């Protein structure tokens, strides 16, 4: 079975696209945790941060470079949060590296 996010990137599964370039795809989370909640993924399949290596680190750098542009597109002028989860205990539910861009309100500092 193919990765959910790979299927979204290919267009096999519909998504609310926010941004796309050669290396990065960003789309609205279907279960948002903030007024703005966008998932940002490298188009190269990387399972998690634990799997970043010399061969794919450039794809991750492209994601990080795109985040400020995506935040601007989303109107996040007063700040935002970027989160990635790693592994089951870290809350990672899709085994494709992705970053959650959250904003649109003052976010709590404490994690529950």
C-alpha atoms as a PDB file:
ATOM      1  CA  UNK A   1       0.000   0.000   0.000  1.00  0.00           C
ATOM      2  CA  UNK A   2       1.330   3.404  -0.967  1.00  0.00           C
ATOM      3  CA  UNK A   3       1.907   6.157   1.574  1.00  0.00           C
ATOM      4  CA  UNK A   4      -1.108   8.439   2.161  1.00  0.00           C
ATOM      5  CA  UNK A   5       0.905  11.625   1.647  1.00  0.00           C
ATOM      6  CA  UNK A   6       2.578  10.270  -1.492  1.00  0.00           C
ATOM      7  CA  UNK A   7      -0.924   9.643  -2.876  1.00  0.00           C
ATOM      8  CA  UNK A   8      -1.958  13.208  -1.983  1.00  0.00           C
ATOM      9  CA  UNK A   9       1.168  14.641  -3.630  1.00  0.00           C
ATOM     10  CA  UNK A  10       0.436  12.640  -6.811  1.00  0.00           C
ATOM     11  CA  UNK A  11      -3.159  13.911  -6.836  1.00  0.00           C
ATOM     12  CA  UNK A  12      -4.688  10.459  -6.335  1.00  0.00           C
ATOM     13  CA  UNK A  13      -6.317  11.696  -3.116  1.00  0.00           C
ATOM     14  CA  UNK A  14      -7.830  15.198  -3.118  1.00  0.00           C
ATOM     15  CA  UNK A  15      -6.471  17.884  -0.810  1.00  0.00           C
ATOM     16  CA  UNK A  16      -6.874  21.601  -0.218  1.00  0.00           C
ATOM     17  CA  UNK A  17      -3.527  22.689  -1.655  1.00  0.00           C
ATOM     18  CA  UNK A  18      -1.961  25.780  -0.128  1.00  0.00           C
ATOM     19  CA  UNK A  19       1.450  25.684  -1.824  1.00  0.00           C
ATOM     20  CA  UNK A  20       3.443  23.585  -4.240  1.00  0.00           C
ATOM     21  CA  UNK A  21       6.811  23.771  -5.906  1.00  0.00           C
ATOM     22  CA  UNK A  22       9.236  21.216  -7.334  1.00  0.00           C
ATOM     23  CA  UNK A  23      10.214  19.893  -3.901  1.00  0.00           C
ATOM     24  CA  UNK A  24       7.396  20.724  -1.472  1.00  0.00           C
ATOM     25  CA  UNK A  25       3.643  20.195  -1.180  1.00  0.00           C
ATOM     26  CA  UNK A  26       1.507  21.901   1.475  1.00  0.00           C
ATOM     27  CA  UNK A  27      -2.186  21.359   2.153  1.00  0.00           C
ATOM     28  CA  UNK A  28      -4.794  22.084   4.808  1.00  0.00           C
ATOM     29  CA  UNK A  29      -5.121  19.538   7.606  1.00  0.00           C
ATOM     30  CA  UNK A  30      -8.558  17.885   7.552  1.00  0.00           C
ATOM     31  CA  UNK A  31      -8.687  17.940  11.386  1.00  0.00           C
ATOM     32  CA  UNK A  32      -7.245  21.369  12.222  1.00  0.00           C
ATOM     33  CA  UNK A  33      -5.911  22.155  15.699  1.00  0.00           C
ATOM     34  CA  UNK A  34      -5.789  25.905  15.057  1.00  0.00           C
ATOM     35  CA  UNK A  35      -7.510  28.385  12.720  1.00  0.00           C
ATOM     36  CA  UNK A  36      -4.595  27.804  10.319  1.00  0.00           C
ATOM     37  CA  UNK A  37      -3.292  24.241  10.223  1.00  0.00           C
ATOM     38  CA  UNK A  38      -1.289  23.277   7.160  1.00  0.00           C
ATOM     39  CA  UNK A  39       0.719  20.104   6.580  1.00  0.00           C
ATOM     40  CA  UNK A  40       3.981  20.648   4.715  1.00  0.00           C
ATOM     41  CA  UNK A  41       5.693  17.640   3.169  1.00  0.00           C
ATOM     42  CA  UNK A  42       8.728  16.983   1.016  1.00  0.00           C
ATOM     43  CA  UNK A  43       7.754  15.395  -2.285  1.00  0.00           C
ATOM     44  CA  UNK A  44      10.556  12.904  -1.668  1.00  0.00           C
ATOM     45  CA  UNK A  45       9.319  10.150   0.633  1.00  0.00           C
ATOM     46  CA  UNK A  46      11.198  10.267   3.930  1.00  0.00           C
ATOM     47  CA  UNK A  47       9.596   8.335   6.779  1.00  0.00           C
ATOM     48  CA  UNK A  48      10.553  10.708   9.614  1.00  0.00           C
ATOM     49  CA  UNK A  49      13.307  12.938  10.937  1.00  0.00           C
ATOM     50  CA  UNK A  50      15.075   9.742  12.000  1.00  0.00           C
ATOM     51  CA  UNK A  51      15.508   8.883   8.322  1.00  0.00           C
ATOM     52  CA  UNK A  52      17.143  12.112   7.162  1.00  0.00           C
ATOM     53  CA  UNK A  53      20.537  11.401   5.634  1.00  0.00           C
ATOM     54  CA  UNK A  54      23.043  12.892   3.205  1.00  0.00           C
ATOM     55  CA  UNK A  55      20.966  11.694   0.257  1.00  0.00           C
ATOM     56  CA  UNK A  56      17.728  13.463   1.240  1.00  0.00           C
ATOM     57  CA  UNK A  57      18.737  16.364   3.478  1.00  0.00           C
ATOM     58  CA  UNK A  58      18.350  18.787   0.547  1.00  0.00           C
ATOM     59  CA  UNK A  59      14.659  17.857   0.278  1.00  0.00           C
ATOM     60  CA  UNK A  60      14.212  18.712   3.948  1.00  0.00           C
ATOM     61  CA  UNK A  61      16.059  22.004   3.463  1.00  0.00           C
ATOM     62  CA  UNK A  62      13.589  22.876   0.680  1.00  0.00           C
ATOM     63  CA  UNK A  63      10.698  22.301   3.087  1.00  0.00           C
ATOM     64  CA  UNK A  64      12.285  24.530   5.714  1.00  0.00           C
ATOM     65  CA  UNK A  65      12.939  27.239   3.124  1.00  0.00           C
ATOM     66  CA  UNK A  66       9.274  27.114   2.024  1.00  0.00           C
ATOM     67  CA  UNK A  67       7.755  27.447   5.507  1.00  0.00           C
ATOM     68  CA  UNK A  68       8.038  31.268   5.790  1.00  0.00           C
ATOM     69  CA  UNK A  69       6.499  31.664   2.325  1.00  0.00           C
ATOM     70  CA  UNK A  70       3.625  29.343   3.241  1.00  0.00           C
ATOM     71  CA  UNK A  71       3.091  31.215   6.519  1.00  0.00           C
ATOM     72  CA  UNK A  72       2.882  34.470   4.551  1.00  0.00           C
ATOM     73  CA  UNK A  73       0.374  32.943   2.099  1.00  0.00           C
ATOM     74  CA  UNK A  74      -1.724  31.929   5.126  1.00  0.00           C
ATOM     75  CA  UNK A  75      -1.598  35.454   6.582  1.00  0.00           C
ATOM     76  CA  UNK A  76       0.393  34.479   9.663  1.00  0.00           C
ATOM     77  CA  UNK A  77       1.930  37.891  10.317  1.00  0.00           C
ATOM     78  CA  UNK A  78       2.116  37.652  14.130  1.00  0.00           C
ATOM     79  CA  UNK A  79       3.893  34.320  14.337  1.00  0.00           C
ATOM     80  CA  UNK A  80       3.246  30.624  14.000  1.00  0.00           C
ATOM     81  CA  UNK A  81       4.332  27.230  15.274  1.00  0.00           C
ATOM     82  CA  UNK A  82       6.016  24.424  13.320  1.00  0.00           C
ATOM     83  CA  UNK A  83       5.843  20.885  14.698  1.00  0.00           C
ATOM     84  CA  UNK A  84       6.890  17.477  13.468  1.00  0.00           C
ATOM     85  CA  UNK A  85       6.109  14.209  15.206  1.00  0.00           C
ATOM     86  CA  UNK A  86       8.449  11.216  15.186  1.00  0.00           C
ATOM     87  CA  UNK A  87       7.323   7.651  15.818  1.00  0.00           C
ATOM     88  CA  UNK A  88       4.349   6.226  17.623  1.00  0.00           C
ATOM     89  CA  UNK A  89       5.159   7.745  21.028  1.00  0.00           C
ATOM     90  CA  UNK A  90       5.721  11.107  19.345  1.00  0.00           C
ATOM     91  CA  UNK A  91       2.261  10.997  17.775  1.00  0.00           C
ATOM     92  CA  UNK A  92       3.311  10.367  14.163  1.00  0.00           C
ATOM     93  CA  UNK A  93       0.320   8.790  12.403  1.00  0.00           C
ATOM     94  CA  UNK A  94       1.531   9.018   8.779  1.00  0.00           C
ATOM     95  CA  UNK A  95       4.982   7.615   8.092  1.00  0.00           C
ATOM     96  CA  UNK A  96       6.001  10.425   5.735  1.00  0.00           C
ATOM     97  CA  UNK A  97       7.969  13.333   7.178  1.00  0.00           C
ATOM     98  CA  UNK A  98       5.647  16.294   7.563  1.00  0.00           C
ATOM     99  CA  UNK A  99       5.555  19.557   9.416  1.00  0.00           C
ATOM    100  CA  UNK A 100       2.451  21.055  10.977  1.00  0.00           C
ATOM    101  CA  UNK A 101       2.197  24.827  10.487  1.00  0.00           C
ATOM    102  CA  UNK A 102      -0.167  26.195  13.139  1.00  0.00           C
ATOM    103  CA  UNK A 103      -1.333  29.753  13.657  1.00  0.00           C
ATOM    104  CA  UNK A 104      -4.100  32.265  13.284  1.00  0.00           C
ATOM    105  CA  UNK A 105      -4.489  32.683  17.048  1.00  0.00           C
ATOM    106  CA  UNK A 106      -2.276  33.066  20.101  1.00  0.00           C
ATOM    107  CA  UNK A 107      -1.108  29.513  20.744  1.00  0.00           C
ATOM    108  CA  UNK A 108      -0.687  28.129  24.248  1.00  0.00           C
ATOM    109  CA  UNK A 109       2.901  27.693  25.357  1.00  0.00           C
ATOM    110  CA  UNK A 110       2.266  24.652  27.541  1.00  0.00           C
ATOM    111  CA  UNK A 111       1.851  21.277  25.874  1.00  0.00           C
ATOM    112  CA  UNK A 112      -0.730  19.005  27.468  1.00  0.00           C
END
